[in-house]
Amino acid sequence: MRAIWTGAIGFGLVNIPVRIFSATQDSNLDLDMLDKKDHAKIRFKRVNEDSGREVTWENIVKAYDYNGKYVILDDEDFQKASPEKSKIIEIVEFVKETEIQSIFYETPYYLEPQKSGVKAYALLREALKKTGKVGVGNFVMRTKESLCVLKPMENAILLQGIRFEQEIREMSELDIPGKSTVSAPEMKMAIALIDQLSSKFDISKYKDTYSAELLKVIQAKAKGKKLTPAPLRIVHSKSKDLMDQLKESLSVKKKKAS
């Protein structure tokens, strides 16, 4: 794996040199875009708006439109804005992980200690395990300030990106039903169905099967074969009554289990 950020964790007056690695990878098939007419590959170009000429990466700069005039920014300018945050993941506070709502979570990353930070890294990891807390901090990566949570995961410290509050949209424009629309018998039946379908979570049970099925279609088309699409299997209750649907759901599950 290739490190995408190098810096340090700021833990009080202790600095822990670390490198950041992406903790996830895409499971989708890598599809190319082609011209429908001749199946030539589509290529996206970086074009000068005035001349129409293609511009190479080394000749591209970043700029901000300030009152109608572009101000060109280089790497040093981004670091000047906050030199500490460009190189340090500063832990601001420690909180219970359950206090952070799931809507705030973004991309996960692995933190690897550099040689001089191995002992302090292990200390922070074990202290987080012992207290049951996670560290909340911020840092700058790719010219963007990110909020993050540091938490132990097996022998590693996981950096989980989280969104700022202002990045979450309000729900006020949505038509959301209130608690009063649910009756006590319906609630009792729904809880019974949840209990019946409850089990210990095991992520290994869940696989990305769509990519595998899509690959079968690709292989068949490559051989000139035609696959008959499987029928869409959606089980509906004949009744429109919510209680009847819940009762039927419970009986269906019992039949499968027997």
Protein backbone atom coordinates (compact mmCIF):
# COMPACT_ATOMS: atom_id res chain seq x y z
CA MET A 1 0.00 0.00 0.00
CA ARG A 2 1.08 3.57 -0.67
CA ALA A 3 0.83 6.23 2.03
CA ILE A 4 -1.43 9.16 1.12
CA TRP A 5 -0.42 11.47 4.01
CA THR A 6 2.57 11.72 6.31
CA GLY A 7 2.62 13.65 9.55
CA ALA A 8 1.96 13.09 13.24
CA ILE A 9 -0.78 12.61 15.81
CA GLY A 10 -0.82 15.42 18.37
CA PHE A 11 -1.67 13.75 21.72
CA GLY A 12 -1.20 16.48 24.33
CA LEU A 13 2.51 17.34 24.18
CA VAL A 14 3.27 13.92 22.63
CA ASN A 15 3.79 13.76 18.87
CA ILE A 16 3.36 10.36 17.22
CA PRO A 17 4.79 10.27 13.67
CA VAL A 18 2.37 8.35 11.42
CA ARG A 19 1.46 7.63 7.83
CA ILE A 20 -2.11 7.38 6.52
CA PHE A 21 -3.21 4.53 4.27
CA SER A 22 -6.61 4.01 2.66
CA ALA A 23 -8.52 1.29 4.52
CA THR A 24 -10.99 0.52 1.73
CA GLN A 25 -10.98 -0.55 -1.90
CA ASP A 26 -13.67 -0.49 -4.58
CA SER A 27 -15.38 -3.82 -5.37
CA ASN A 28 -17.06 -2.55 -8.56
CA LEU A 29 -16.00 -3.77 -12.00
CA ASP A 30 -13.75 -1.32 -13.86
CA LEU A 31 -15.90 -0.28 -16.83
CA ASP A 32 -14.63 1.87 -19.72
CA MET A 33 -16.71 4.47 -21.55
CA LEU A 34 -16.93 3.98 -25.34
CA ASP A 35 -18.40 5.85 -28.28
CA LYS A 36 -21.66 4.08 -29.21
CA LYS A 37 -20.93 4.46 -32.94
CA ASP A 38 -17.49 2.83 -33.26
CA HIS A 39 -16.69 1.65 -29.68
CA ALA A 40 -13.65 3.93 -29.48
CA LYS A 41 -12.59 4.70 -25.90
CA ILE A 42 -13.76 8.04 -24.53
CA ARG A 43 -10.93 10.17 -23.19
CA PHE A 44 -11.41 13.26 -21.04
CA LYS A 45 -9.10 16.18 -21.71
CA ARG A 46 -8.11 19.24 -19.68
CA VAL A 47 -8.73 21.98 -22.23
CA ASN A 48 -7.89 25.69 -22.18
CA GLU A 49 -11.26 27.45 -22.37
CA ASP A 50 -9.90 30.25 -24.55
CA SER A 51 -7.52 28.48 -26.95
CA GLY A 52 -9.18 25.04 -27.00
CA ARG A 53 -5.76 23.42 -26.52
CA GLU A 54 -5.11 20.53 -24.14
CA VAL A 55 -3.20 21.49 -20.96
CA THR A 56 -0.79 19.09 -19.24
CA TRP A 57 -0.95 18.54 -15.46
CA GLU A 58 2.36 20.34 -14.85
CA ASN A 59 0.91 23.49 -16.40
CA ILE A 60 -2.25 23.51 -14.30
CA VAL A 61 -2.45 25.74 -11.21
CA LYS A 62 -5.19 26.28 -8.63
CA ALA A 63 -6.79 29.67 -8.19
CA TYR A 64 -9.59 31.45 -6.30
CA ASP A 65 -11.91 33.96 -7.95
CA TYR A 66 -11.56 36.95 -5.59
CA ASN A 67 -13.82 39.84 -6.65
CA GLY A 68 -13.54 38.91 -10.31
CA LYS A 69 -9.77 38.46 -10.27
CA TYR A 70 -8.00 35.09 -9.99
CA VAL A 71 -5.50 34.68 -7.14
CA ILE A 72 -3.08 31.84 -7.98
CA LEU A 73 -2.26 29.45 -5.11
CA ASP A 74 0.73 27.12 -4.81
CA ASP A 75 1.58 24.35 -2.32
CA GLU A 76 3.24 26.79 0.06
CA ASP A 77 0.10 28.94 0.23
CA PHE A 78 -1.99 25.97 1.34
CA GLN A 79 0.53 25.18 4.08
CA LYS A 80 0.71 28.83 5.18
CA ALA A 81 -3.05 28.80 5.87
CA SER A 82 -2.45 26.30 8.69
CA PRO A 83 1.04 24.75 8.84
CA GLU A 84 0.14 22.72 11.95
CA LYS A 85 -2.97 21.11 10.48
CA SER A 86 -1.07 20.23 7.28
CA LYS A 87 1.27 18.00 9.26
CA ILE A 88 -0.48 17.19 12.55
CA ILE A 89 -3.69 15.33 13.38
CA GLU A 90 -4.45 17.28 16.53
CA ILE A 91 -6.62 15.41 19.05
CA VAL A 92 -8.93 18.08 20.49
CA GLU A 93 -10.96 15.92 22.88
CA PHE A 94 -11.96 12.37 23.80
CA VAL A 95 -15.61 11.27 23.69
CA LYS A 96 -17.73 8.13 23.78
CA GLU A 97 -18.10 6.74 20.26
CA THR A 98 -21.85 6.22 20.80
CA GLU A 99 -22.24 10.00 21.07
CA ILE A 100 -21.34 10.41 17.38
CA GLN A 101 -24.28 9.78 15.05
CA SER A 102 -23.61 7.52 12.05
CA ILE A 103 -24.64 10.23 9.55
CA PHE A 104 -21.38 12.06 10.30
CA TYR A 105 -19.08 9.15 9.33
CA GLU A 106 -17.06 9.22 6.11
CA THR A 107 -14.02 7.34 4.75
CA PRO A 108 -11.86 5.12 7.05
CA TYR A 109 -8.05 5.11 6.97
CA TYR A 110 -5.34 3.07 8.69
CA LEU A 111 -2.66 4.88 10.69
CA GLU A 112 0.79 3.30 10.69
CA PRO A 113 3.42 4.52 13.16
CA GLN A 114 6.84 5.49 11.94
CA LYS A 115 9.82 4.00 13.80
CA SER A 116 10.22 6.83 16.31
CA GLY A 117 6.53 6.70 17.22
CA VAL A 118 5.95 2.98 17.78
CA LYS A 119 5.85 3.09 21.60
CA ALA A 120 3.64 6.20 21.81
CA TYR A 121 1.33 4.74 19.11
CA ALA A 122 0.88 1.53 21.11
CA LEU A 123 0.28 3.55 24.29
CA LEU A 124 -2.46 5.65 22.68
CA ARG A 125 -4.10 2.55 21.17
CA GLU A 126 -4.19 0.67 24.49
CA ALA A 127 -5.37 3.77 26.39
CA LEU A 128 -8.27 4.17 23.94
CA LYS A 129 -9.19 0.50 24.44
CA LYS A 130 -8.97 0.82 28.24
CA THR A 131 -11.12 3.95 28.46
CA GLY A 132 -13.59 3.02 25.71
CA LYS A 133 -13.15 6.53 24.29
CA VAL A 134 -12.29 7.82 20.81
CA GLY A 135 -10.20 10.86 19.99
CA VAL A 136 -11.75 13.68 17.96
CA GLY A 137 -9.31 15.73 15.93
CA ASN A 138 -8.74 17.67 12.73
CA PHE A 139 -6.09 17.96 10.05
CA VAL A 140 -5.64 19.09 6.44
CA MET A 141 -5.30 16.61 3.57
CA ARG A 142 -5.41 17.52 -0.14
CA THR A 143 -6.06 21.21 0.62
CA LYS A 144 -9.19 20.36 2.63
CA GLU A 145 -9.63 20.45 6.39
CA SER A 146 -11.07 17.20 7.70
CA LEU A 147 -12.62 16.30 11.02
CA CYS A 148 -11.80 12.80 12.23
CA VAL A 149 -12.15 10.20 14.94
CA LEU A 150 -9.22 8.06 16.09
CA LYS A 151 -10.18 4.66 17.49
CA PRO A 152 -8.52 1.28 18.06
CA MET A 153 -9.14 -1.54 15.59
CA GLU A 154 -7.34 -4.76 16.55
CA ASN A 155 -3.66 -3.69 16.73
CA ALA A 156 -4.11 -0.57 14.63
CA ILE A 157 -5.47 2.93 15.16
CA LEU A 158 -8.21 3.69 12.66
CA LEU A 159 -8.74 7.24 11.47
CA GLN A 160 -12.40 7.64 10.56
CA GLY A 161 -13.26 10.82 8.69
CA ILE A 162 -16.39 12.58 9.96
CA ARG A 163 -18.37 15.46 8.47
CA PHE A 164 -18.74 18.90 9.97
CA GLU A 165 -22.19 19.78 11.29
CA GLN A 166 -22.75 22.38 8.55
CA GLU A 167 -22.32 19.67 5.91
CA ILE A 168 -25.45 17.81 7.06
CA ARG A 169 -28.70 18.88 5.40
CA GLU A 170 -31.74 19.76 7.49
CA MET A 171 -34.74 17.40 7.40
CA SER A 172 -37.27 20.21 7.83
CA GLU A 173 -38.26 20.12 4.14
CA LEU A 174 -39.16 16.41 4.32
CA ASP A 175 -42.60 15.09 5.17
CA ILE A 176 -41.67 12.80 8.11
CA PRO A 177 -44.41 11.02 10.13
CA GLY A 178 -44.53 11.45 13.92
CA LYS A 179 -44.77 8.83 16.69
CA SER A 180 -48.55 9.30 16.92
CA THR A 181 -49.09 7.45 13.63
CA VAL A 182 -47.99 4.12 15.20
CA SER A 183 -50.44 2.11 17.31
CA ALA A 184 -49.45 -0.04 20.30
CA PRO A 185 -50.50 -3.39 18.66
CA GLU A 186 -48.55 -2.50 15.49
CA MET A 187 -45.49 -1.66 17.58
CA LYS A 188 -45.73 -4.96 19.48
CA MET A 189 -45.95 -6.90 16.21
CA ALA A 190 -43.06 -4.99 14.63
CA ILE A 191 -40.84 -5.67 17.67
CA ALA A 192 -41.75 -9.37 17.45
CA LEU A 193 -40.64 -9.41 13.79
CA ILE A 194 -37.39 -7.61 14.67
CA ASP A 195 -36.70 -10.11 17.47
CA GLN A 196 -37.37 -13.01 15.10
CA LEU A 197 -34.93 -11.65 12.51
CA SER A 198 -32.27 -10.64 15.06
CA SER A 199 -28.81 -12.25 15.13
CA LYS A 200 -25.21 -11.36 15.90
CA PHE A 201 -23.77 -9.16 13.15
CA ASP A 202 -21.20 -10.89 10.94
CA ILE A 203 -19.95 -8.77 8.02
CA SER A 204 -18.47 -11.85 6.29
CA LYS A 205 -22.02 -13.04 5.52
CA TYR A 206 -22.53 -10.09 3.17
CA LYS A 207 -20.91 -10.16 -0.27
CA ASP A 208 -20.98 -7.87 -3.29
CA THR A 209 -22.79 -10.39 -5.51
CA TYR A 210 -23.88 -7.85 -8.16
CA SER A 211 -20.35 -7.47 -9.60
CA ALA A 212 -20.00 -11.28 -9.84
CA GLU A 213 -23.37 -11.59 -11.61
CA LEU A 214 -22.49 -8.71 -13.94
CA LEU A 215 -19.21 -10.47 -14.81
CA LYS A 216 -21.23 -13.58 -15.81
CA VAL A 217 -23.26 -11.41 -18.19
CA ILE A 218 -20.03 -9.95 -19.64
CA GLN A 219 -18.49 -13.41 -20.11
CA ALA A 220 -21.67 -14.71 -21.79
CA LYS A 221 -21.84 -11.74 -24.18
CA ALA A 222 -18.15 -12.19 -25.00
CA LYS A 223 -18.96 -15.76 -26.11
CA GLY A 224 -22.00 -14.64 -28.09
CA LYS A 225 -24.47 -16.18 -25.67
CA LYS A 226 -27.73 -14.62 -24.53
CA LEU A 227 -28.68 -14.84 -20.88
CA THR A 228 -32.31 -14.84 -19.86
CA PRO A 229 -32.76 -12.35 -17.04
CA ALA A 230 -33.85 -13.91 -13.77
CA PRO A 231 -37.40 -12.99 -12.74
CA LEU A 232 -37.68 -10.10 -10.32
CA ARG A 233 -38.60 -11.69 -7.01
CA ILE A 234 -40.35 -9.24 -4.73
CA VAL A 235 -42.68 -10.77 -2.18
CA HIS A 236 -45.72 -8.66 -1.41
CA SER A 237 -48.59 -9.27 0.98
CA LYS A 238 -52.03 -9.49 -0.62
CA SER A 239 -53.47 -7.47 2.25
CA LYS A 240 -53.13 -3.69 2.50
CA ASP A 241 -53.65 -3.78 6.28
CA LEU A 242 -50.39 -3.16 8.17
CA MET A 243 -51.21 -5.62 10.99
CA ASP A 244 -52.03 -8.37 8.47
CA GLN A 245 -48.74 -7.72 6.67
CA LEU A 246 -46.80 -7.98 9.94
CA LYS A 247 -48.57 -11.22 10.93
CA GLU A 248 -47.88 -12.68 7.49
CA SER A 249 -44.21 -11.68 7.74
CA LEU A 250 -43.89 -13.53 11.07
CA SER A 251 -45.51 -16.68 9.68
CA VAL A 252 -43.32 -16.65 6.55
CA LYS A 253 -40.17 -16.51 8.68
CA LYS A 254 -41.43 -19.37 10.89
CA LYS A 255 -42.10 -21.53 7.81
CA LYS A 256 -38.54 -20.92 6.53
CA ALA A 257 -37.07 -21.85 9.90
CA SER A 258 -39.04 -25.09 10.18
